[in-house]
Amino acid sequence: MIDTTRLQAYFTGLQARLMATLEAVEGEAGARFRVDPWVKEAGAGLAGNGCTCVIEGGRVFERGGVAFSQVSGTSLPASATAKRPELAGRAFAAMGVSLVLHPENPYCPTAHMNVRALVATRPDAEPAWWFGGGMDLTPYYPFTDDIRHFHSTCKQALLPFGEGTHARYKKWCDEYFFLKHRNEPRGVGGVFFDDLAEGGFERCFALTRAVGDAFADAYLPIIDRRQTLPYGERERDFQAYRRGRYVEFNLVWDRGTLFGLQSGGRTESILMSLPPVVKWRYDWQPEAGTAEAALYDLLTPRDWA
């Protein structure tokens, strides 16, 4: 048997630690998280509960969310069995923490982190389980030191799990967070893994914890460096334009969004990742030689660490 209470204890503890850390970044005069516990009553073989914590209009974060959720059901949704059809019809329990931060200052990048676990059961078989997660960075202006720091921290977190682990999960991240309809990366990547079960439960759980625990060290030093840089309407306008790519990925390609909606998750919590201000322009390109154009040069995947 898989002890799901251990999983829940880690995920809820991680959520609490992240919230406390982010409120410390906001400072005494900054915003605080709105804590919104929820329960989704059982229906159509699905049930769920969790706690969505959202910060808006802050001194640093224009919008951010740190959510814990767990859902269970009598049959895995289609998004979870697309690559594992042998698990179709199994009951399941899934839980995890998802974080998205959209700072107001355009010189501060958007960040995403997610760690999750799923257990699928059937009376006449051993339980199937897997972990998933990762973190990635979406900058609006080209600070290579920030990108190197983020990737180096990810690499250090994964070193205990094998020499090639970081390279594999970095490549997976580059390939996953890619807008196929635009032939363009969403940001500068990070690490990503899914369907992780190799090496046994304890190794996979430890790797997932390593990623979740490394996020603050990977991201918050960047915020500390950039949050006081002066900016104007030009920078905010470009930030809103690039945020459009973030929205497109989450609504068109993201497996987590699809799983959440198909498994009866809470819609408001699933869509907390969307930024509060976003713009689209028709067939727009940045002017050559500008900082905005330089950002696109950094989106090509490379070994930042």
C-alpha atoms as a PDB file:
ATOM      1  CA  MET A   1       0.000   0.000   0.000  1.00  0.00           C
ATOM      2  CA  ILE A   2       1.066   3.586  -0.707  1.00  0.00           C
ATOM      3  CA  ASP A   3       0.819   5.866   2.334  1.00  0.00           C
ATOM      4  CA  THR A   4      -0.903   8.903   0.844  1.00  0.00           C
ATOM      5  CA  THR A   5      -0.886  10.668   4.231  1.00  0.00           C
ATOM      6  CA  ARG A   6       2.910  11.155   3.819  1.00  0.00           C
ATOM      7  CA  LEU A   7       2.330  12.739   0.441  1.00  0.00           C
ATOM      8  CA  GLN A   8      -0.346  15.048   1.789  1.00  0.00           C
ATOM      9  CA  ALA A   9       1.802  16.096   4.749  1.00  0.00           C
ATOM     10  CA  TYR A  10       4.665  17.104   2.448  1.00  0.00           C
ATOM     11  CA  PHE A  11       2.506  18.970  -0.054  1.00  0.00           C
ATOM     12  CA  THR A  12       0.538  20.953   2.543  1.00  0.00           C
ATOM     13  CA  GLY A  13       3.749  21.721   4.422  1.00  0.00           C
ATOM     14  CA  LEU A  14       5.387  22.974   1.232  1.00  0.00           C
ATOM     15  CA  GLN A  15       2.415  25.214   0.525  1.00  0.00           C
ATOM     16  CA  ALA A  16       2.610  26.742   4.002  1.00  0.00           C
ATOM     17  CA  ARG A  17       6.367  27.351   3.737  1.00  0.00           C
ATOM     18  CA  LEU A  18       6.079  28.980   0.332  1.00  0.00           C
ATOM     19  CA  MET A  19       3.293  31.285   1.463  1.00  0.00           C
ATOM     20  CA  ALA A  20       5.286  32.438   4.487  1.00  0.00           C
ATOM     21  CA  THR A  21       8.353  33.072   2.337  1.00  0.00           C
ATOM     22  CA  LEU A  22       6.428  35.051  -0.278  1.00  0.00           C
ATOM     23  CA  GLU A  23       4.665  37.178   2.325  1.00  0.00           C
ATOM     24  CA  ALA A  24       8.107  37.978   3.760  1.00  0.00           C
ATOM     25  CA  VAL A  25       9.139  39.190   0.286  1.00  0.00           C
ATOM     26  CA  GLU A  26       6.082  41.435   0.230  1.00  0.00           C
ATOM     27  CA  GLY A  27       7.130  42.889   3.586  1.00  0.00           C
ATOM     28  CA  GLU A  28       4.989  44.293   6.354  1.00  0.00           C
ATOM     29  CA  ALA A  29       3.354  46.830   4.031  1.00  0.00           C
ATOM     30  CA  GLY A  30       2.729  44.290   1.267  1.00  0.00           C
ATOM     31  CA  ALA A  31      -0.209  42.102   0.404  1.00  0.00           C
ATOM     32  CA  ARG A  32      -1.184  38.891   2.168  1.00  0.00           C
ATOM     33  CA  PHE A  33      -2.559  35.672   0.783  1.00  0.00           C
ATOM     34  CA  ARG A  34      -6.267  35.147   0.616  1.00  0.00           C
ATOM     35  CA  VAL A  35      -6.791  31.605   1.919  1.00  0.00           C
ATOM     36  CA  ASP A  36      -9.671  29.831   0.213  1.00  0.00           C
ATOM     37  CA  PRO A  37     -10.304  26.224   1.345  1.00  0.00           C
ATOM     38  CA  TRP A  38     -12.733  24.318  -0.838  1.00  0.00           C
ATOM     39  CA  VAL A  39     -14.525  20.998  -1.082  1.00  0.00           C
ATOM     40  CA  LYS A  40     -15.971  19.575  -4.275  1.00  0.00           C
ATOM     41  CA  GLU A  41     -18.804  17.230  -3.432  1.00  0.00           C
ATOM     42  CA  ALA A  42     -18.672  13.760  -4.909  1.00  0.00           C
ATOM     43  CA  GLY A  43     -20.483  13.506  -8.198  1.00  0.00           C
ATOM     44  CA  ALA A  44     -20.073  11.435 -11.357  1.00  0.00           C
ATOM     45  CA  GLY A  45     -17.485   9.355  -9.522  1.00  0.00           C
ATOM     46  CA  LEU A  46     -15.281  12.349  -8.641  1.00  0.00           C
ATOM     47  CA  ALA A  47     -14.549  14.225  -5.411  1.00  0.00           C
ATOM     48  CA  GLY A  48     -11.929  16.675  -4.286  1.00  0.00           C
ATOM     49  CA  ASN A  49     -10.757  19.260  -1.796  1.00  0.00           C
ATOM     50  CA  GLY A  50      -7.914  21.646  -1.308  1.00  0.00           C
ATOM     51  CA  CYS A  51      -6.842  25.143  -0.427  1.00  0.00           C
ATOM     52  CA  THR A  52      -6.216  27.853  -3.007  1.00  0.00           C
ATOM     53  CA  CYS A  53      -4.146  30.744  -1.698  1.00  0.00           C
ATOM     54  CA  VAL A  54      -3.987  33.845  -3.883  1.00  0.00           C
ATOM     55  CA  ILE A  55      -2.127  37.126  -3.523  1.00  0.00           C
ATOM     56  CA  GLU A  56      -3.158  40.117  -5.637  1.00  0.00           C
ATOM     57  CA  GLY A  57      -2.219  43.777  -5.907  1.00  0.00           C
ATOM     58  CA  GLY A  58       0.899  43.322  -3.820  1.00  0.00           C
ATOM     59  CA  ARG A  59       3.971  45.473  -3.452  1.00  0.00           C
ATOM     60  CA  VAL A  60       5.920  42.886  -5.495  1.00  0.00           C
ATOM     61  CA  PHE A  61       3.432  40.366  -6.865  1.00  0.00           C
ATOM     62  CA  GLU A  62       0.658  41.652  -9.074  1.00  0.00           C
ATOM     63  CA  ARG A  63      -0.875  38.218  -8.854  1.00  0.00           C
ATOM     64  CA  GLY A  64       0.266  34.900  -7.515  1.00  0.00           C
ATOM     65  CA  GLY A  65      -1.134  31.642  -6.299  1.00  0.00           C
ATOM     66  CA  VAL A  66       0.019  28.692  -4.220  1.00  0.00           C
ATOM     67  CA  ALA A  67      -2.560  25.920  -4.325  1.00  0.00           C
ATOM     68  CA  PHE A  68      -2.852  22.493  -2.779  1.00  0.00           C
ATOM     69  CA  SER A  69      -5.455  20.199  -4.231  1.00  0.00           C
ATOM     70  CA  GLN A  70      -6.384  16.540  -4.082  1.00  0.00           C
ATOM     71  CA  VAL A  71      -8.929  14.782  -6.222  1.00  0.00           C
ATOM     72  CA  SER A  72     -10.097  11.185  -6.326  1.00  0.00           C
ATOM     73  CA  GLY A  73     -12.358   9.209  -8.550  1.00  0.00           C
ATOM     74  CA  THR A  74     -13.550   5.819  -9.634  1.00  0.00           C
ATOM     75  CA  SER A  75     -11.880   6.037 -13.052  1.00  0.00           C
ATOM     76  CA  LEU A  76      -8.794   7.854 -14.325  1.00  0.00           C
ATOM     77  CA  PRO A  77      -9.567  10.701 -16.768  1.00  0.00           C
ATOM     78  CA  ALA A  78      -8.553  10.403 -20.403  1.00  0.00           C
ATOM     79  CA  SER A  79      -5.610  12.809 -20.045  1.00  0.00           C
ATOM     80  CA  ALA A  80      -3.961  10.406 -17.565  1.00  0.00           C
ATOM     81  CA  THR A  81      -4.426   7.233 -19.599  1.00  0.00           C
ATOM     82  CA  ALA A  82      -3.544   8.558 -23.052  1.00  0.00           C
ATOM     83  CA  LYS A  83      -0.031   7.111 -22.754  1.00  0.00           C
ATOM     84  CA  ARG A  84      -0.966   4.302 -20.316  1.00  0.00           C
ATOM     85  CA  PRO A  85      -4.178   2.730 -21.643  1.00  0.00           C
ATOM     86  CA  GLU A  86      -3.667  -0.325 -19.423  1.00  0.00           C
ATOM     87  CA  LEU A  87      -4.655   1.840 -16.436  1.00  0.00           C
ATOM     88  CA  ALA A  88      -8.019   2.856 -17.854  1.00  0.00           C
ATOM     89  CA  GLY A  89     -10.827   2.178 -15.418  1.00  0.00           C
ATOM     90  CA  ARG A  90      -8.677   2.278 -12.269  1.00  0.00           C
ATOM     91  CA  ALA A  91      -9.705   4.329  -9.282  1.00  0.00           C
ATOM     92  CA  PHE A  92      -7.268   7.113  -8.490  1.00  0.00           C
ATOM     93  CA  ALA A  93      -6.132   9.661  -5.948  1.00  0.00           C
ATOM     94  CA  ALA A  94      -4.051  12.636  -7.112  1.00  0.00           C
ATOM     95  CA  MET A  95      -2.616  15.533  -5.132  1.00  0.00           C
ATOM     96  CA  GLY A  96      -0.016  18.226  -5.376  1.00  0.00           C
ATOM     97  CA  VAL A  97       1.024  21.850  -5.063  1.00  0.00           C
ATOM     98  CA  SER A  98       1.004  24.314  -7.926  1.00  0.00           C
ATOM     99  CA  LEU A  99       2.540  27.787  -7.812  1.00  0.00           C
ATOM    100  CA  VAL A 100       2.519  30.666 -10.294  1.00  0.00           C
ATOM    101  CA  LEU A 101       3.889  34.143  -9.600  1.00  0.00           C
ATOM    102  CA  HIS A 102       3.361  37.207 -11.787  1.00  0.00           C
ATOM    103  CA  PRO A 103       5.366  40.148 -10.400  1.00  0.00           C
ATOM    104  CA  GLU A 104       4.295  43.667 -11.341  1.00  0.00           C
ATOM    105  CA  ASN A 105       7.775  44.873 -12.293  1.00  0.00           C
ATOM    106  CA  PRO A 106       8.464  43.742 -15.902  1.00  0.00           C
ATOM    107  CA  TYR A 107      12.126  43.212 -15.041  1.00  0.00           C
ATOM    108  CA  CYS A 108      11.056  40.428 -12.673  1.00  0.00           C
ATOM    109  CA  PRO A 109      10.224  37.168 -14.460  1.00  0.00           C
ATOM    110  CA  THR A 110       7.107  35.091 -14.073  1.00  0.00           C
ATOM    111  CA  ALA A 111       7.748  31.734 -12.413  1.00  0.00           C
ATOM    112  CA  HIS A 112       5.885  28.447 -12.242  1.00  0.00           C
ATOM    113  CA  MET A 113       6.445  25.409 -10.028  1.00  0.00           C
ATOM    114  CA  ASN A 114       4.423  22.248  -9.606  1.00  0.00           C
ATOM    115  CA  VAL A 115       4.938  18.977  -7.727  1.00  0.00           C
ATOM    116  CA  ARG A 116       2.350  16.216  -7.718  1.00  0.00           C
ATOM    117  CA  ALA A 117       1.673  12.529  -7.173  1.00  0.00           C
ATOM    118  CA  LEU A 118      -0.935  10.078  -8.408  1.00  0.00           C
ATOM    119  CA  VAL A 119      -1.900   6.609  -7.172  1.00  0.00           C
ATOM    120  CA  ALA A 120      -4.141   4.380  -9.307  1.00  0.00           C
ATOM    121  CA  THR A 121      -5.689   1.259  -7.790  1.00  0.00           C
ATOM    122  CA  ARG A 122      -7.628  -1.838  -8.760  1.00  0.00           C
ATOM    123  CA  PRO A 123      -8.712  -4.617  -6.362  1.00  0.00           C
ATOM    124  CA  ASP A 124      -6.942  -7.388  -8.247  1.00  0.00           C
ATOM    125  CA  ALA A 125      -3.616  -5.631  -8.914  1.00  0.00           C
ATOM    126  CA  GLU A 126      -0.770  -3.799  -7.242  1.00  0.00           C
ATOM    127  CA  PRO A 127      -1.268  -0.024  -7.106  1.00  0.00           C
ATOM    128  CA  ALA A 128       0.309   2.007  -9.875  1.00  0.00           C
ATOM    129  CA  TRP A 129       1.826   5.348  -8.910  1.00  0.00           C
ATOM    130  CA  TRP A 130       3.880   8.129 -10.364  1.00  0.00           C
ATOM    131  CA  PHE A 131       5.176  11.600  -9.607  1.00  0.00           C
ATOM    132  CA  GLY A 132       5.491  14.695 -11.732  1.00  0.00           C
ATOM    133  CA  GLY A 133       6.593  18.274 -11.446  1.00  0.00           C
ATOM    134  CA  GLY A 134       9.192  20.876 -12.224  1.00  0.00           C
ATOM    135  CA  MET A 135       9.766  24.597 -12.369  1.00  0.00           C
ATOM    136  CA  ASP A 136      10.342  27.052 -15.176  1.00  0.00           C
ATOM    137  CA  LEU A 137      11.151  30.728 -15.695  1.00  0.00           C
ATOM    138  CA  THR A 138       9.478  33.191 -18.061  1.00  0.00           C
ATOM    139  CA  PRO A 139      11.469  36.454 -18.221  1.00  0.00           C
ATOM    140  CA  TYR A 140      10.373  39.574 -20.070  1.00  0.00           C
ATOM    141  CA  TYR A 141      13.779  41.240 -20.249  1.00  0.00           C
ATOM    142  CA  PRO A 142      17.186  39.659 -20.939  1.00  0.00           C
ATOM    143  CA  PHE A 143      19.189  39.203 -17.730  1.00  0.00           C
ATOM    144  CA  THR A 144      21.468  36.233 -18.390  1.00  0.00           C
ATOM    145  CA  ASP A 145      22.721  36.132 -14.783  1.00  0.00           C
ATOM    146  CA  ASP A 146      19.167  35.469 -13.612  1.00  0.00           C
ATOM    147  CA  ILE A 147      18.701  32.628 -16.069  1.00  0.00           C
ATOM    148  CA  ARG A 148      22.016  31.021 -15.157  1.00  0.00           C
ATOM    149  CA  HIS A 149      21.191  31.219 -11.450  1.00  0.00           C
ATOM    150  CA  PHE A 150      17.787  29.594 -11.949  1.00  0.00           C
ATOM    151  CA  HIS A 151      19.180  26.729 -14.018  1.00  0.00           C
ATOM    152  CA  SER A 152      22.187  26.193 -11.762  1.00  0.00           C
ATOM    153  CA  THR A 153      19.928  25.853  -8.727  1.00  0.00           C
ATOM    154  CA  CYS A 154      17.797  23.298 -10.559  1.00  0.00           C
ATOM    155  CA  LYS A 155      20.912  21.349 -11.472  1.00  0.00           C
ATOM    156  CA  GLN A 156      22.204  21.312  -7.895  1.00  0.00           C
ATOM    157  CA  ALA A 157      18.849  20.050  -6.627  1.00  0.00           C
ATOM    158  CA  LEU A 158      18.965  17.069  -8.975  1.00  0.00           C
ATOM    159  CA  LEU A 159      22.633  16.108  -8.632  1.00  0.00           C
ATOM    160  CA  PRO A 160      21.959  13.478  -5.907  1.00  0.00           C
ATOM    161  CA  PHE A 161      19.706  11.577  -8.320  1.00  0.00           C
ATOM    162  CA  GLY A 162      22.239  10.777 -11.018  1.00  0.00           C
ATOM    163  CA  GLU A 163      24.616  12.630 -13.271  1.00  0.00           C
ATOM    164  CA  GLY A 164      22.300  12.697 -16.275  1.00  0.00           C
ATOM    165  CA  THR A 165      19.080  13.480 -14.427  1.00  0.00           C
ATOM    166  CA  HIS A 166      19.242  17.257 -14.738  1.00  0.00           C
ATOM    167  CA  ALA A 167      20.148  17.187 -18.434  1.00  0.00           C
ATOM    168  CA  ARG A 168      17.248  14.843 -19.125  1.00  0.00           C
ATOM    169  CA  TYR A 169      14.683  16.887 -17.224  1.00  0.00           C
ATOM    170  CA  LYS A 170      15.981  20.190 -18.606  1.00  0.00           C
ATOM    171  CA  LYS A 171      15.538  18.889 -22.145  1.00  0.00           C
ATOM    172  CA  TRP A 172      12.068  17.631 -21.238  1.00  0.00           C
ATOM    173  CA  CYS A 173      11.204  21.099 -19.924  1.00  0.00           C
ATOM    174  CA  ASP A 174      12.439  22.787 -23.113  1.00  0.00           C
ATOM    175  CA  GLU A 175      10.321  20.440 -25.190  1.00  0.00           C
ATOM    176  CA  TYR A 176       7.228  20.612 -22.980  1.00  0.00           C
ATOM    177  CA  PHE A 177       6.904  24.380 -22.498  1.00  0.00           C
ATOM    178  CA  PHE A 178       6.843  25.027 -26.225  1.00  0.00           C
ATOM    179  CA  LEU A 179       3.998  26.676 -28.112  1.00  0.00           C
ATOM    180  CA  LYS A 180       3.705  24.443 -31.155  1.00  0.00           C
ATOM    181  CA  HIS A 181       1.211  26.730 -32.852  1.00  0.00           C
ATOM    182  CA  ARG A 182       3.761  29.573 -32.727  1.00  0.00           C
ATOM    183  CA  ASN A 183       6.951  27.501 -32.984  1.00  0.00           C
ATOM    184  CA  GLU A 184       8.214  29.396 -29.955  1.00  0.00           C
ATOM    185  CA  PRO A 185       9.319  28.551 -26.376  1.00  0.00           C
ATOM    186  CA  ARG A 186       7.205  29.954 -23.558  1.00  0.00           C
ATOM    187  CA  GLY A 187      10.270  31.064 -21.600  1.00  0.00           C
ATOM    188  CA  VAL A 188      13.788  29.908 -20.805  1.00  0.00           C
ATOM    189  CA  GLY A 189      12.840  26.578 -19.251  1.00  0.00           C
ATOM    190  CA  GLY A 190      14.019  24.893 -16.100  1.00  0.00           C
ATOM    191  CA  VAL A 191      13.219  21.262 -15.301  1.00  0.00           C
ATOM    192  CA  PHE A 192      10.174  19.101 -15.940  1.00  0.00           C
ATOM    193  CA  PHE A 193       9.312  15.445 -15.332  1.00  0.00           C
ATOM    194  CA  ASP A 194       6.176  13.363 -15.462  1.00  0.00           C
ATOM    195  CA  ASP A 195       5.107   9.727 -15.016  1.00  0.00           C
ATOM    196  CA  LEU A 196       8.126   9.262 -12.736  1.00  0.00           C
ATOM    197  CA  ALA A 197       8.263   5.781 -11.199  1.00  0.00           C
ATOM    198  CA  GLU A 198      11.781   4.533 -11.941  1.00  0.00           C
ATOM    199  CA  GLY A 199      14.005   3.651  -9.010  1.00  0.00           C
ATOM    200  CA  GLY A 200      11.243   2.994  -6.502  1.00  0.00           C
ATOM    201  CA  PHE A 201       8.763   5.061  -4.528  1.00  0.00           C
ATOM    202  CA  GLU A 202      11.229   6.519  -2.002  1.00  0.00           C
ATOM    203  CA  ARG A 203      13.652   7.760  -4.680  1.00  0.00           C
ATOM    204  CA  CYS A 204      10.872   9.329  -6.722  1.00  0.00           C
ATOM    205  CA  PHE A 205       9.308  10.991  -3.686  1.00  0.00           C
ATOM    206  CA  ALA A 206      12.720  12.342  -2.636  1.00  0.00           C
ATOM    207  CA  LEU A 207      13.371  13.743  -6.115  1.00  0.00           C
ATOM    208  CA  THR A 208       9.973  15.432  -6.133  1.00  0.00           C
ATOM    209  CA  ARG A 209      10.684  16.983  -2.731  1.00  0.00           C
ATOM    210  CA  ALA A 210      14.092  18.185  -3.936  1.00  0.00           C
ATOM    211  CA  VAL A 211      12.445  20.113  -6.761  1.00  0.00           C
ATOM    212  CA  GLY A 212       9.740  21.621  -4.560  1.00  0.00           C
ATOM    213  CA  ASP A 213      12.217  22.597  -1.858  1.00  0.00           C
ATOM    214  CA  ALA A 214      14.622  24.247  -4.361  1.00  0.00           C
ATOM    215  CA  PHE A 215      12.134  26.694  -5.831  1.00  0.00           C
ATOM    216  CA  ALA A 216      12.617  29.535  -3.345  1.00  0.00           C
ATOM    217  CA  ASP A 217      16.403  29.431  -3.756  1.00  0.00           C
ATOM    218  CA  ALA A 218      16.068  29.372  -7.546  1.00  0.00           C
ATOM    219  CA  TYR A 219      13.636  32.263  -7.889  1.00  0.00           C
ATOM    220  CA  LEU A 220      13.658  34.672  -4.966  1.00  0.00           C
ATOM    221  CA  PRO A 221      17.250  35.956  -5.396  1.00  0.00           C
ATOM    222  CA  ILE A 222      16.157  37.109  -8.864  1.00  0.00           C
ATOM    223  CA  ILE A 223      13.229  39.012  -7.388  1.00  0.00           C
ATOM    224  CA  ASP A 224      15.546  40.578  -4.835  1.00  0.00           C
ATOM    225  CA  ARG A 225      17.833  41.853  -7.608  1.00  0.00           C
ATOM    226  CA  ARG A 226      15.148  43.208  -9.940  1.00  0.00           C
ATOM    227  CA  GLN A 227      12.108  44.341  -7.947  1.00  0.00           C
ATOM    228  CA  THR A 228      13.319  47.922  -7.412  1.00  0.00           C
ATOM    229  CA  LEU A 229      14.455  48.621 -10.991  1.00  0.00           C
ATOM    230  CA  PRO A 230      12.520  51.575 -12.468  1.00  0.00           C
ATOM    231  CA  TYR A 231      10.232  50.868 -15.417  1.00  0.00           C
ATOM    232  CA  GLY A 232       7.662  52.657 -17.538  1.00  0.00           C
ATOM    233  CA  GLU A 233       4.673  52.058 -19.764  1.00  0.00           C
ATOM    234  CA  ARG A 234       6.819  50.605 -22.565  1.00  0.00           C
ATOM    235  CA  GLU A 235       8.061  47.807 -20.315  1.00  0.00           C
ATOM    236  CA  ARG A 236       4.614  47.116 -18.887  1.00  0.00           C
ATOM    237  CA  ASP A 237       3.152  46.958 -22.383  1.00  0.00           C
ATOM    238  CA  PHE A 238       5.728  44.411 -23.537  1.00  0.00           C
ATOM    239  CA  GLN A 239       5.223  42.391 -20.365  1.00  0.00           C
ATOM    240  CA  ALA A 240       1.475  42.226 -21.053  1.00  0.00           C
ATOM    241  CA  TYR A 241       2.145  41.126 -24.637  1.00  0.00           C
ATOM    242  CA  ARG A 242       4.506  38.337 -23.608  1.00  0.00           C
ATOM    243  CA  ARG A 243       2.094  37.234 -20.902  1.00  0.00           C
ATOM    244  CA  GLY A 244      -0.221  36.357 -23.760  1.00  0.00           C
ATOM    245  CA  ARG A 245       2.116  33.491 -24.647  1.00  0.00           C
ATOM    246  CA  TYR A 246       1.825  32.248 -21.070  1.00  0.00           C
ATOM    247  CA  VAL A 247      -1.960  32.206 -21.308  1.00  0.00           C
ATOM    248  CA  GLU A 248      -1.920  30.459 -24.676  1.00  0.00           C
ATOM    249  CA  PHE A 249       0.269  27.644 -23.398  1.00  0.00           C
ATOM    250  CA  ASN A 250      -1.770  27.045 -20.249  1.00  0.00           C
ATOM    251  CA  LEU A 251      -5.088  26.936 -22.102  1.00  0.00           C
ATOM    252  CA  VAL A 252      -3.992  25.040 -25.206  1.00  0.00           C
ATOM    253  CA  TRP A 253      -1.154  22.682 -24.276  1.00  0.00           C
ATOM    254  CA  ASP A 254      -0.777  22.222 -20.526  1.00  0.00           C
ATOM    255  CA  ARG A 255      -1.524  18.653 -19.363  1.00  0.00           C
ATOM    256  CA  GLY A 256      -2.124  19.795 -15.788  1.00  0.00           C
ATOM    257  CA  THR A 257      -4.884  22.166 -16.859  1.00  0.00           C
ATOM    258  CA  LEU A 258      -6.552  19.406 -18.880  1.00  0.00           C
ATOM    259  CA  PHE A 259      -6.237  16.864 -16.056  1.00  0.00           C
ATOM    260  CA  GLY A 260      -7.658  19.310 -13.532  1.00  0.00           C
ATOM    261  CA  LEU A 261     -10.687  20.112 -15.658  1.00  0.00           C
ATOM    262  CA  GLN A 262     -11.300  16.476 -16.676  1.00  0.00           C
ATOM    263  CA  SER A 263     -10.922  15.153 -13.125  1.00  0.00           C
ATOM    264  CA  GLY A 264     -13.490  17.500 -11.661  1.00  0.00           C
ATOM    265  CA  GLY A 265     -11.047  19.944 -10.106  1.00  0.00           C
ATOM    266  CA  ARG A 266     -12.103  23.402  -9.052  1.00  0.00           C
ATOM    267  CA  THR A 267     -12.046  25.664 -12.112  1.00  0.00           C
ATOM    268  CA  GLU A 268     -11.184  28.828 -10.190  1.00  0.00           C
ATOM    269  CA  SER A 269      -8.153  27.107  -8.673  1.00  0.00           C
ATOM    270  CA  ILE A 270      -7.026  25.572 -11.964  1.00  0.00           C
ATOM    271  CA  LEU A 271      -7.091  28.935 -13.741  1.00  0.00           C
ATOM    272  CA  MET A 272      -5.379  30.902 -10.963  1.00  0.00           C
ATOM    273  CA  SER A 273      -2.219  30.687 -13.079  1.00  0.00           C
ATOM    274  CA  LEU A 274      -3.461  33.290 -15.533  1.00  0.00           C
ATOM    275  CA  PRO A 275      -2.001  36.822 -15.229  1.00  0.00           C
ATOM    276  CA  PRO A 276      -4.266  39.739 -14.299  1.00  0.00           C
ATOM    277  CA  VAL A 277      -3.218  41.990 -17.194  1.00  0.00           C
ATOM    278  CA  VAL A 278      -2.477  40.636 -20.664  1.00  0.00           C
ATOM    279  CA  LYS A 279      -2.549  41.931 -24.259  1.00  0.00           C
ATOM    280  CA  TRP A 280      -2.501  40.485 -27.755  1.00  0.00           C
ATOM    281  CA  ARG A 281      -1.349  42.314 -30.889  1.00  0.00           C
ATOM    282  CA  TYR A 282      -1.805  41.302 -34.477  1.00  0.00           C
ATOM    283  CA  ASP A 283       1.426  40.144 -36.151  1.00  0.00           C
ATOM    284  CA  TRP A 284       3.700  42.275 -33.967  1.00  0.00           C
ATOM    285  CA  GLN A 285       7.511  42.066 -33.818  1.00  0.00           C
ATOM    286  CA  PRO A 286       9.889  44.021 -31.547  1.00  0.00           C
ATOM    287  CA  GLU A 287      12.160  46.602 -33.125  1.00  0.00           C
ATOM    288  CA  ALA A 288      15.646  45.293 -33.930  1.00  0.00           C
ATOM    289  CA  GLY A 289      18.347  46.291 -31.470  1.00  0.00           C
ATOM    290  CA  THR A 290      15.970  46.809 -28.531  1.00  0.00           C
ATOM    291  CA  ALA A 291      15.951  45.011 -25.199  1.00  0.00           C
ATOM    292  CA  GLU A 292      12.616  43.493 -26.187  1.00  0.00           C
ATOM    293  CA  ALA A 293      14.169  41.964 -29.310  1.00  0.00           C
ATOM    294  CA  ALA A 294      17.129  40.696 -27.265  1.00  0.00           C
ATOM    295  CA  LEU A 295      14.759  38.597 -25.155  1.00  0.00           C
ATOM    296  CA  TYR A 296      13.935  36.423 -28.147  1.00  0.00           C
ATOM    297  CA  ASP A 297      17.618  35.595 -28.606  1.00  0.00           C
ATOM    298  CA  LEU A 298      17.613  34.029 -25.131  1.00  0.00           C
ATOM    299  CA  LEU A 299      14.604  31.777 -25.723  1.00  0.00           C
ATOM    300  CA  THR A 300      16.616  29.282 -27.770  1.00  0.00           C
ATOM    301  CA  PRO A 301      17.416  26.354 -25.441  1.00  0.00           C
ATOM    302  CA  ARG A 302      21.037  26.084 -24.286  1.00  0.00           C
ATOM    303  CA  ASP A 303      23.084  24.796 -21.356  1.00  0.00           C
ATOM    304  CA  TRP A 304      22.579  27.706 -18.959  1.00  0.00           C
ATOM    305  CA  ALA A 305      23.971  25.830 -15.960  1.00  0.00           C
END
